[in-house]
Amino acid sequence: MPEHNFKPKIVCWLLDHTHRWNKALHEEIEIRIHRAHAEMYPRGNDEADVTINRMREFYYQRMMMTAMLLLSASALVVALASLVVSVIALRTH
C-alpha cells in the first residue's frame, strides 16, 4: 500500500492561509504607523525614516507581546477546561 504524505499539502495550506493574514496585518500596521507619524509630525521631520523604523519596531514588539499573552491565556483556558472535565469524570466513576 503506497504511503500518502499529506504533510506538504498541510504545510502549503497553512502557509497560504497564514500568509494572507500576515500580509493583511502587516499592511494595517504600516498604515497605522504612517498615520501616527503624520499626526506626531504634521510638518514632517528630518529623520522620518529613522523615526518610522523606531515606531515600527515598537509596534511589532507590542503586537508580539499581545499575541504571546493571548496565546498564554488561551492555553490557560484549555488547561482549566481539561482540569474541570477530568474532575467531573473522576467524580462520576
PDB file of N, CA and C in Angstrom:
ATOM      1  N   MET A   1       0.840  -1.172   0.000  1.00  0.00           N
ATOM      2  CA  MET A   1       0.000   0.000   0.000  1.00  0.00           C
ATOM      3  C   MET A   1       0.891   1.244   0.000  1.00  0.00           C
ATOM      4  N   PRO A   2       0.718   2.155  -0.949  1.00  0.00           N
ATOM      5  CA  PRO A   2       1.579   3.341  -1.002  1.00  0.00           C
ATOM      6  C   PRO A   2       1.297   4.284   0.166  1.00  0.00           C
ATOM      7  N   GLU A   3       2.350   4.881   0.634  1.00  0.00           N
ATOM      8  CA  GLU A   3       2.232   5.804   1.758  1.00  0.00           C
ATOM      9  C   GLU A   3       1.809   7.180   1.239  1.00  0.00           C
ATOM     10  N   HIS A   4       0.737   7.700   1.796  1.00  0.00           N
ATOM     11  CA  HIS A   4       0.281   9.041   1.418  1.00  0.00           C
ATOM     12  C   HIS A   4       0.880  10.041   2.387  1.00  0.00           C
ATOM     13  N   ASN A   5       1.571  11.006   1.829  1.00  0.00           N
ATOM     14  CA  ASN A   5       2.209  12.014   2.655  1.00  0.00           C
ATOM     15  C   ASN A   5       1.430  13.323   2.518  1.00  0.00           C
ATOM     16  N   PHE A   6       0.623  13.606   3.516  1.00  0.00           N
ATOM     17  CA  PHE A   6      -0.189  14.809   3.494  1.00  0.00           C
ATOM     18  C   PHE A   6       0.535  16.014   4.088  1.00  0.00           C
ATOM     19  N   LYS A   7       1.719  15.802   4.646  1.00  0.00           N
ATOM     20  CA  LYS A   7       2.437  16.898   5.286  1.00  0.00           C
ATOM     21  C   LYS A   7       2.675  18.077   4.348  1.00  0.00           C
ATOM     22  N   PRO A   8       3.179  17.851   3.120  1.00  0.00           N
ATOM     23  CA  PRO A   8       3.379  19.005   2.233  1.00  0.00           C
ATOM     24  C   PRO A   8       2.079  19.744   1.922  1.00  0.00           C
ATOM     25  N   LYS A   9       0.991  19.030   1.761  1.00  0.00           N
ATOM     26  CA  LYS A   9      -0.298  19.671   1.479  1.00  0.00           C
ATOM     27  C   LYS A   9      -0.756  20.498   2.674  1.00  0.00           C
ATOM     28  N   ILE A  10      -0.592  19.948   3.866  1.00  0.00           N
ATOM     29  CA  ILE A  10      -0.992  20.674   5.074  1.00  0.00           C
ATOM     30  C   ILE A  10      -0.136  21.913   5.253  1.00  0.00           C
ATOM     31  N   VAL A  11       1.167  21.771   5.031  1.00  0.00           N
ATOM     32  CA  VAL A  11       2.083  22.906   5.177  1.00  0.00           C
ATOM     33  C   VAL A  11       1.738  23.994   4.169  1.00  0.00           C
ATOM     34  N   CYS A  12       1.506  23.616   2.922  1.00  0.00           N
ATOM     35  CA  CYS A  12       1.150  24.609   1.895  1.00  0.00           C
ATOM     36  C   CYS A  12      -0.161  25.302   2.237  1.00  0.00           C
ATOM     37  N   TRP A  13      -1.154  24.535   2.677  1.00  0.00           N
ATOM     38  CA  TRP A  13      -2.434  25.127   3.052  1.00  0.00           C
ATOM     39  C   TRP A  13      -2.248  26.115   4.197  1.00  0.00           C
ATOM     40  N   LEU A  14      -1.477  25.704   5.213  1.00  0.00           N
ATOM     41  CA  LEU A  14      -1.237  26.561   6.368  1.00  0.00           C
ATOM     42  C   LEU A  14      -0.503  27.839   5.968  1.00  0.00           C
ATOM     43  N   LEU A  15       0.528  27.706   5.149  1.00  0.00           N
ATOM     44  CA  LEU A  15       1.288  28.880   4.718  1.00  0.00           C
ATOM     45  C   LEU A  15       0.443  29.811   3.862  1.00  0.00           C
ATOM     46  N   ASP A  16      -0.382  29.249   2.983  1.00  0.00           N
ATOM     47  CA  ASP A  16      -1.256  30.091   2.159  1.00  0.00           C
ATOM     48  C   ASP A  16      -2.191  30.916   3.032  1.00  0.00           C
ATOM     49  N   HIS A  17      -2.788  30.282   4.023  1.00  0.00           N
ATOM     50  CA  HIS A  17      -3.737  30.999   4.876  1.00  0.00           C
ATOM     51  C   HIS A  17      -3.039  31.981   5.816  1.00  0.00           C
ATOM     52  N   THR A  18      -1.943  31.579   6.410  1.00  0.00           N
ATOM     53  CA  THR A  18      -1.258  32.499   7.323  1.00  0.00           C
ATOM     54  C   THR A  18      -0.602  33.641   6.556  1.00  0.00           C
ATOM     55  N   HIS A  19      -0.183  33.380   5.318  1.00  0.00           N
ATOM     56  CA  HIS A  19       0.419  34.444   4.512  1.00  0.00           C
ATOM     57  C   HIS A  19      -0.591  35.560   4.280  1.00  0.00           C
ATOM     58  N   ARG A  20      -1.826  35.202   3.972  1.00  0.00           N
ATOM     59  CA  ARG A  20      -2.867  36.216   3.758  1.00  0.00           C
ATOM     60  C   ARG A  20      -3.114  37.022   5.026  1.00  0.00           C
ATOM     61  N   TRP A  21      -3.189  36.324   6.160  1.00  0.00           N
ATOM     62  CA  TRP A  21      -3.406  37.014   7.435  1.00  0.00           C
ATOM     63  C   TRP A  21      -2.217  37.919   7.758  1.00  0.00           C
ATOM     64  N   ASN A  22      -1.005  37.398   7.594  1.00  0.00           N
ATOM     65  CA  ASN A  22       0.188  38.189   7.897  1.00  0.00           C
ATOM     66  C   ASN A  22       0.295  39.403   7.000  1.00  0.00           C
ATOM     67  N   LYS A  23      -0.031  39.238   5.725  1.00  0.00           N
ATOM     68  CA  LYS A  23       0.029  40.363   4.791  1.00  0.00           C
ATOM     69  C   LYS A  23      -0.973  41.440   5.188  1.00  0.00           C
ATOM     70  N   ALA A  24      -2.197  41.028   5.501  1.00  0.00           N
ATOM     71  CA  ALA A  24      -3.224  41.989   5.922  1.00  0.00           C
ATOM     72  C   ALA A  24      -2.808  42.700   7.206  1.00  0.00           C
ATOM     73  N   LEU A  25      -2.269  41.945   8.160  1.00  0.00           N
ATOM     74  CA  LEU A  25      -1.823  42.516   9.420  1.00  0.00           C
ATOM     75  C   LEU A  25      -0.682  43.505   9.187  1.00  0.00           C
ATOM     76  N   HIS A  26       0.285  43.123   8.382  1.00  0.00           N
ATOM     77  CA  HIS A  26       1.422  43.999   8.096  1.00  0.00           C
ATOM     78  C   HIS A  26       0.971  45.291   7.424  1.00  0.00           C
ATOM     79  N   GLU A  27       0.075  45.176   6.448  1.00  0.00           N
ATOM     80  CA  GLU A  27      -0.402  46.372   5.748  1.00  0.00           C
ATOM     81  C   GLU A  27      -1.121  47.315   6.702  1.00  0.00           C
ATOM     82  N   GLU A  28      -1.949  46.769   7.590  1.00  0.00           N
ATOM     83  CA  GLU A  28      -2.663  47.607   8.545  1.00  0.00           C
ATOM     84  C   GLU A  28      -1.700  48.265   9.531  1.00  0.00           C
ATOM     85  N   ILE A  29      -0.700  47.536   9.976  1.00  0.00           N
ATOM     86  CA  ILE A  29       0.298  48.113  10.883  1.00  0.00           C
ATOM     87  C   ILE A  29       1.032  49.260  10.197  1.00  0.00           C
ATOM     88  N   GLU A  30       1.416  49.067   8.942  1.00  0.00           N
ATOM     89  CA  GLU A  30       2.120  50.126   8.212  1.00  0.00           C
ATOM     90  C   GLU A  30       1.245  51.367   8.069  1.00  0.00           C
ATOM     91  N   ILE A  31      -0.043  51.175   7.779  1.00  0.00           N
ATOM     92  CA  ILE A  31      -0.958  52.316   7.671  1.00  0.00           C
ATOM     93  C   ILE A  31      -1.010  53.073   8.991  1.00  0.00           C
ATOM     94  N   ARG A  32      -1.133  52.331  10.086  1.00  0.00           N
ATOM     95  CA  ARG A  32      -1.229  52.974  11.401  1.00  0.00           C
ATOM     96  C   ARG A  32       0.067  53.681  11.786  1.00  0.00           C
ATOM     97  N   ILE A  33       1.195  53.097  11.449  1.00  0.00           N
ATOM     98  CA  ILE A  33       2.480  53.728  11.761  1.00  0.00           C
ATOM     99  C   ILE A  33       2.615  55.047  11.009  1.00  0.00           C
ATOM    100  N   HIS A  34       2.306  55.025   9.730  1.00  0.00           N
ATOM    101  CA  HIS A  34       2.436  56.259   8.937  1.00  0.00           C
ATOM    102  C   HIS A  34       1.410  57.306   9.364  1.00  0.00           C
ATOM    103  N   ARG A  35       0.206  56.867   9.751  1.00  0.00           N
ATOM    104  CA  ARG A  35      -0.801  57.803  10.252  1.00  0.00           C
ATOM    105  C   ARG A  35      -0.330  58.437  11.554  1.00  0.00           C
ATOM    106  N   ALA A  36       0.202  57.617  12.456  1.00  0.00           N
ATOM    107  CA  ALA A  36       0.692  58.140  13.739  1.00  0.00           C
ATOM    108  C   ALA A  36       1.869  59.090  13.526  1.00  0.00           C
ATOM    109  N   HIS A  37       2.738  58.762  12.591  1.00  0.00           N
ATOM    110  CA  HIS A  37       3.875  59.644  12.300  1.00  0.00           C
ATOM    111  C   HIS A  37       3.379  60.982  11.774  1.00  0.00           C
ATOM    112  N   ALA A  38       2.396  60.945  10.887  1.00  0.00           N
ATOM    113  CA  ALA A  38       1.858  62.187  10.330  1.00  0.00           C
ATOM    114  C   ALA A  38       1.189  63.027  11.413  1.00  0.00           C
ATOM    115  N   GLU A  39       0.556  62.377  12.395  1.00  0.00           N
ATOM    116  CA  GLU A  39      -0.066  63.113  13.494  1.00  0.00           C
ATOM    117  C   GLU A  39       0.981  63.719  14.425  1.00  0.00           C
ATOM    118  N   MET A  40       2.064  62.969  14.672  1.00  0.00           N
ATOM    119  CA  MET A  40       3.116  63.461  15.564  1.00  0.00           C
ATOM    120  C   MET A  40       3.938  64.567  14.908  1.00  0.00           C
ATOM    121  N   TYR A  41       4.156  64.444  13.617  1.00  0.00           N
ATOM    122  CA  TYR A  41       4.977  65.403  12.882  1.00  0.00           C
ATOM    123  C   TYR A  41       4.185  65.913  11.679  1.00  0.00           C
ATOM    124  N   PRO A  42       3.217  66.800  11.908  1.00  0.00           N
ATOM    125  CA  PRO A  42       2.377  67.262  10.800  1.00  0.00           C
ATOM    126  C   PRO A  42       3.154  67.990   9.703  1.00  0.00           C
ATOM    127  N   ARG A  43       4.285  68.587  10.063  1.00  0.00           N
ATOM    128  CA  ARG A  43       5.120  69.273   9.066  1.00  0.00           C
ATOM    129  C   ARG A  43       6.292  68.409   8.612  1.00  0.00           C
ATOM    130  N   GLY A  44       6.294  67.155   9.052  1.00  0.00           N
ATOM    131  CA  GLY A  44       7.400  66.257   8.708  1.00  0.00           C
ATOM    132  C   GLY A  44       8.555  66.438   9.670  1.00  0.00           C
ATOM    133  N   ASN A  45       9.531  65.561   9.566  1.00  0.00           N
ATOM    134  CA  ASN A  45      10.751  65.727  10.349  1.00  0.00           C
ATOM    135  C   ASN A  45      11.937  65.299   9.499  1.00  0.00           C
ATOM    136  N   ASP A  46      13.115  65.723   9.909  1.00  0.00           N
ATOM    137  CA  ASP A  46      14.318  65.465   9.109  1.00  0.00           C
ATOM    138  C   ASP A  46      14.699  63.994   9.083  1.00  0.00           C
ATOM    139  N   GLU A  47      14.382  63.277  10.130  1.00  0.00           N
ATOM    140  CA  GLU A  47      14.755  61.862  10.225  1.00  0.00           C
ATOM    141  C   GLU A  47      13.514  60.982  10.176  1.00  0.00           C
ATOM    142  N   ALA A  48      12.665  61.196   9.187  1.00  0.00           N
ATOM    143  CA  ALA A  48      11.401  60.461   9.100  1.00  0.00           C
ATOM    144  C   ALA A  48      11.636  58.960   9.018  1.00  0.00           C
ATOM    145  N   ASP A  49      12.606  58.523   8.221  1.00  0.00           N
ATOM    146  CA  ASP A  49      12.863  57.084   8.087  1.00  0.00           C
ATOM    147  C   ASP A  49      13.292  56.461   9.413  1.00  0.00           C
ATOM    148  N   VAL A  50      14.147  57.153  10.141  1.00  0.00           N
ATOM    149  CA  VAL A  50      14.614  56.641  11.433  1.00  0.00           C
ATOM    150  C   VAL A  50      13.454  56.587  12.417  1.00  0.00           C
ATOM    151  N   THR A  51      12.661  57.641  12.459  1.00  0.00           N
ATOM    152  CA  THR A  51      11.520  57.688  13.375  1.00  0.00           C
ATOM    153  C   THR A  51      10.504  56.603  13.040  1.00  0.00           C
ATOM    154  N   ILE A  52      10.204  56.440  11.764  1.00  0.00           N
ATOM    155  CA  ILE A  52       9.240  55.412  11.341  1.00  0.00           C
ATOM    156  C   ILE A  52       9.768  54.019  11.672  1.00  0.00           C
ATOM    157  N   ASN A  53      11.059  53.786  11.474  1.00  0.00           N
ATOM    158  CA  ASN A  53      11.638  52.482  11.826  1.00  0.00           C
ATOM    159  C   ASN A  53      11.528  52.208  13.318  1.00  0.00           C
ATOM    160  N   ARG A  54      11.765  53.224  14.138  1.00  0.00           N
ATOM    161  CA  ARG A  54      11.619  53.053  15.589  1.00  0.00           C
ATOM    162  C   ARG A  54      10.174  52.760  15.964  1.00  0.00           C
ATOM    163  N   MET A  55       9.259  53.477  15.340  1.00  0.00           N
ATOM    164  CA  MET A  55       7.835  53.243  15.600  1.00  0.00           C
ATOM    165  C   MET A  55       7.441  51.833  15.175  1.00  0.00           C
ATOM    166  N   ARG A  56       7.961  51.403  14.035  1.00  0.00           N
ATOM    167  CA  ARG A  56       7.668  50.062  13.513  1.00  0.00           C
ATOM    168  C   ARG A  56       8.185  48.991  14.473  1.00  0.00           C
ATOM    169  N   GLU A  57       9.419  49.141  14.950  1.00  0.00           N
ATOM    170  CA  GLU A  57       9.993  48.175  15.896  1.00  0.00           C
ATOM    171  C   GLU A  57       9.163  48.108  17.175  1.00  0.00           C
ATOM    172  N   PHE A  58       8.772  49.273  17.691  1.00  0.00           N
ATOM    173  CA  PHE A  58       7.964  49.308  18.901  1.00  0.00           C
ATOM    174  C   PHE A  58       6.627  48.621  18.676  1.00  0.00           C
ATOM    175  N   TYR A  59       5.975  48.932  17.551  1.00  0.00           N
ATOM    176  CA  TYR A  59       4.649  48.383  17.281  1.00  0.00           C
ATOM    177  C   TYR A  59       4.716  46.871  17.125  1.00  0.00           C
ATOM    178  N   TYR A  60       5.728  46.362  16.412  1.00  0.00           N
ATOM    179  CA  TYR A  60       5.854  44.921  16.238  1.00  0.00           C
ATOM    180  C   TYR A  60       6.155  44.216  17.554  1.00  0.00           C
ATOM    181  N   GLN A  61       6.982  44.824  18.397  1.00  0.00           N
ATOM    182  CA  GLN A  61       7.239  44.241  19.713  1.00  0.00           C
ATOM    183  C   GLN A  61       5.952  44.202  20.532  1.00  0.00           C
ATOM    184  N   ARG A  62       5.180  45.266  20.454  1.00  0.00           N
ATOM    185  CA  ARG A  62       3.905  45.324  21.171  1.00  0.00           C
ATOM    186  C   ARG A  62       2.943  44.261  20.657  1.00  0.00           C
ATOM    187  N   MET A  63       2.874  44.080  19.353  1.00  0.00           N
ATOM    188  CA  MET A  63       1.993  43.075  18.767  1.00  0.00           C
ATOM    189  C   MET A  63       2.435  41.667  19.158  1.00  0.00           C
ATOM    190  N   MET A  64       3.741  41.425  19.184  1.00  0.00           N
ATOM    191  CA  MET A  64       4.243  40.112  19.584  1.00  0.00           C
ATOM    192  C   MET A  64       3.911  39.830  21.049  1.00  0.00           C
ATOM    193  N   MET A  65       4.059  40.822  21.902  1.00  0.00           N
ATOM    194  CA  MET A  65       3.735  40.645  23.315  1.00  0.00           C
ATOM    195  C   MET A  65       2.244  40.366  23.476  1.00  0.00           C
ATOM    196  N   THR A  66       1.415  41.092  22.756  1.00  0.00           N
ATOM    197  CA  THR A  66      -0.035  40.866  22.811  1.00  0.00           C
ATOM    198  C   THR A  66      -0.377  39.465  22.332  1.00  0.00           C
ATOM    199  N   ALA A  67       0.246  39.032  21.236  1.00  0.00           N
ATOM    200  CA  ALA A  67      -0.009  37.684  20.708  1.00  0.00           C
ATOM    201  C   ALA A  67       0.407  36.619  21.719  1.00  0.00           C
ATOM    202  N   MET A  68       1.543  36.812  22.360  1.00  0.00           N
ATOM    203  CA  MET A  68       2.004  35.845  23.355  1.00  0.00           C
ATOM    204  C   MET A  68       1.070  35.804  24.569  1.00  0.00           C
ATOM    205  N   LEU A  69       0.588  36.955  24.992  1.00  0.00           N
ATOM    206  CA  LEU A  69      -0.351  36.989  26.112  1.00  0.00           C
ATOM    207  C   LEU A  69      -1.663  36.297  25.748  1.00  0.00           C
ATOM    208  N   LEU A  70      -2.162  36.524  24.534  1.00  0.00           N
ATOM    209  CA  LEU A  70      -3.386  35.857  24.091  1.00  0.00           C
ATOM    210  C   LEU A  70      -3.194  34.352  23.990  1.00  0.00           C
ATOM    211  N   LEU A  71      -2.039  33.941  23.479  1.00  0.00           N
ATOM    212  CA  LEU A  71      -1.741  32.516  23.381  1.00  0.00           C
ATOM    213  C   LEU A  71      -1.647  31.887  24.777  1.00  0.00           C
ATOM    214  N   SER A  72      -1.008  32.566  25.696  1.00  0.00           N
ATOM    215  CA  SER A  72      -0.895  32.068  27.068  1.00  0.00           C
ATOM    216  C   SER A  72      -2.265  31.981  27.732  1.00  0.00           C
ATOM    217  N   ALA A  73      -3.085  32.997  27.535  1.00  0.00           N
ATOM    218  CA  ALA A  73      -4.427  32.975  28.118  1.00  0.00           C
ATOM    219  C   ALA A  73      -5.263  31.842  27.526  1.00  0.00           C
ATOM    220  N   SER A  74      -5.129  31.628  26.228  1.00  0.00           N
ATOM    221  CA  SER A  74      -5.859  30.530  25.585  1.00  0.00           C
ATOM    222  C   SER A  74      -5.408  29.180  26.134  1.00  0.00           C
ATOM    223  N   ALA A  75      -4.106  29.016  26.302  1.00  0.00           N
ATOM    224  CA  ALA A  75      -3.582  27.768  26.848  1.00  0.00           C
ATOM    225  C   ALA A  75      -4.086  27.552  28.274  1.00  0.00           C
ATOM    226  N   LEU A  76      -4.162  28.616  29.039  1.00  0.00           N
ATOM    227  CA  LEU A  76      -4.667  28.516  30.405  1.00  0.00           C
ATOM    228  C   LEU A  76      -6.141  28.100  30.419  1.00  0.00           C
ATOM    229  N   VAL A  77      -6.932  28.675  29.533  1.00  0.00           N
ATOM    230  CA  VAL A  77      -8.352  28.313  29.450  1.00  0.00           C
ATOM    231  C   VAL A  77      -8.507  26.841  29.078  1.00  0.00           C
ATOM    232  N   VAL A  78      -7.720  26.377  28.103  1.00  0.00           N
ATOM    233  CA  VAL A  78      -7.782  24.969  27.696  1.00  0.00           C
ATOM    234  C   VAL A  78      -7.370  24.064  28.855  1.00  0.00           C
ATOM    235  N   ALA A  79      -6.307  24.435  29.562  1.00  0.00           N
ATOM    236  CA  ALA A  79      -5.850  23.627  30.695  1.00  0.00           C
ATOM    237  C   ALA A  79      -6.904  23.573  31.797  1.00  0.00           C
ATOM    238  N   LEU A  80      -7.524  24.707  32.091  1.00  0.00           N
ATOM    239  CA  LEU A  80      -8.563  24.728  33.123  1.00  0.00           C
ATOM    240  C   LEU A  80      -9.780  23.915  32.691  1.00  0.00           C
ATOM    241  N   ALA A  81     -10.156  24.008  31.431  1.00  0.00           N
ATOM    242  CA  ALA A  81     -11.283  23.207  30.940  1.00  0.00           C
ATOM    243  C   ALA A  81     -10.969  21.721  31.046  1.00  0.00           C
ATOM    244  N   SER A  82      -9.737  21.346  30.718  1.00  0.00           N
ATOM    245  CA  SER A  82      -9.325  19.946  30.839  1.00  0.00           C
ATOM    246  C   SER A  82      -9.367  19.489  32.289  1.00  0.00           C
ATOM    247  N   LEU A  83      -8.953  20.351  33.181  1.00  0.00           N
ATOM    248  CA  LEU A  83      -8.984  20.024  34.603  1.00  0.00           C
ATOM    249  C   LEU A  83     -10.424  19.810  35.086  1.00  0.00           C
ATOM    250  N   VAL A  84     -11.317  20.682  34.673  1.00  0.00           N
ATOM    251  CA  VAL A  84     -12.718  20.556  35.062  1.00  0.00           C
ATOM    252  C   VAL A  84     -13.304  19.256  34.515  1.00  0.00           C
ATOM    253  N   VAL A  85     -13.034  18.949  33.267  1.00  0.00           N
ATOM    254  CA  VAL A  85     -13.537  17.708  32.669  1.00  0.00           C
ATOM    255  C   VAL A  85     -12.978  16.500  33.414  1.00  0.00           C
ATOM    256  N   SER A  86     -11.704  16.542  33.763  1.00  0.00           N
ATOM    257  CA  SER A  86     -11.088  15.444  34.496  1.00  0.00           C
ATOM    258  C   SER A  86     -11.717  15.239  35.862  1.00  0.00           C
ATOM    259  N   VAL A  87     -11.948  16.337  36.577  1.00  0.00           N
ATOM    260  CA  VAL A  87     -12.562  16.260  37.905  1.00  0.00           C
ATOM    261  C   VAL A  87     -13.976  15.703  37.786  1.00  0.00           C
ATOM    262  N   ILE A  88     -14.732  16.153  36.803  1.00  0.00           N
ATOM    263  CA  ILE A  88     -16.086  15.629  36.607  1.00  0.00           C
ATOM    264  C   ILE A  88     -16.054  14.135  36.283  1.00  0.00           C
ATOM    265  N   ALA A  89     -15.115  13.747  35.434  1.00  0.00           N
ATOM    266  CA  ALA A  89     -15.003  12.322  35.071  1.00  0.00           C
ATOM    267  C   ALA A  89     -14.622  11.482  36.279  1.00  0.00           C
ATOM    268  N   LEU A  90     -13.753  11.958  37.127  1.00  0.00           N
ATOM    269  CA  LEU A  90     -13.357  11.205  38.320  1.00  0.00           C
ATOM    270  C   LEU A  90     -14.515  11.088  39.322  1.00  0.00           C
ATOM    271  N   ARG A  91     -15.316  12.119  39.440  1.00  0.00           N
ATOM    272  CA  ARG A  91     -16.420  12.094  40.402  1.00  0.00           C
ATOM    273  C   ARG A  91     -17.566  11.192  39.955  1.00  0.00           C
ATOM    274  N   THR A  92     -17.712  11.023  38.639  1.00  0.00           N
ATOM    275  CA  THR A  92     -18.823  10.210  38.142  1.00  0.00           C
ATOM    276  C   THR A  92     -18.493   8.723  38.169  1.00  0.00           C
ATOM    277  N   HIS A  93     -17.265   8.382  38.358  1.00  0.00           N
ATOM    278  CA  HIS A  93     -16.896   6.944  38.400  1.00  0.00           C
ATOM    279  C   HIS A  93     -16.655   6.505  39.790  1.00  0.00           C
TER     280      HIS A  93
END
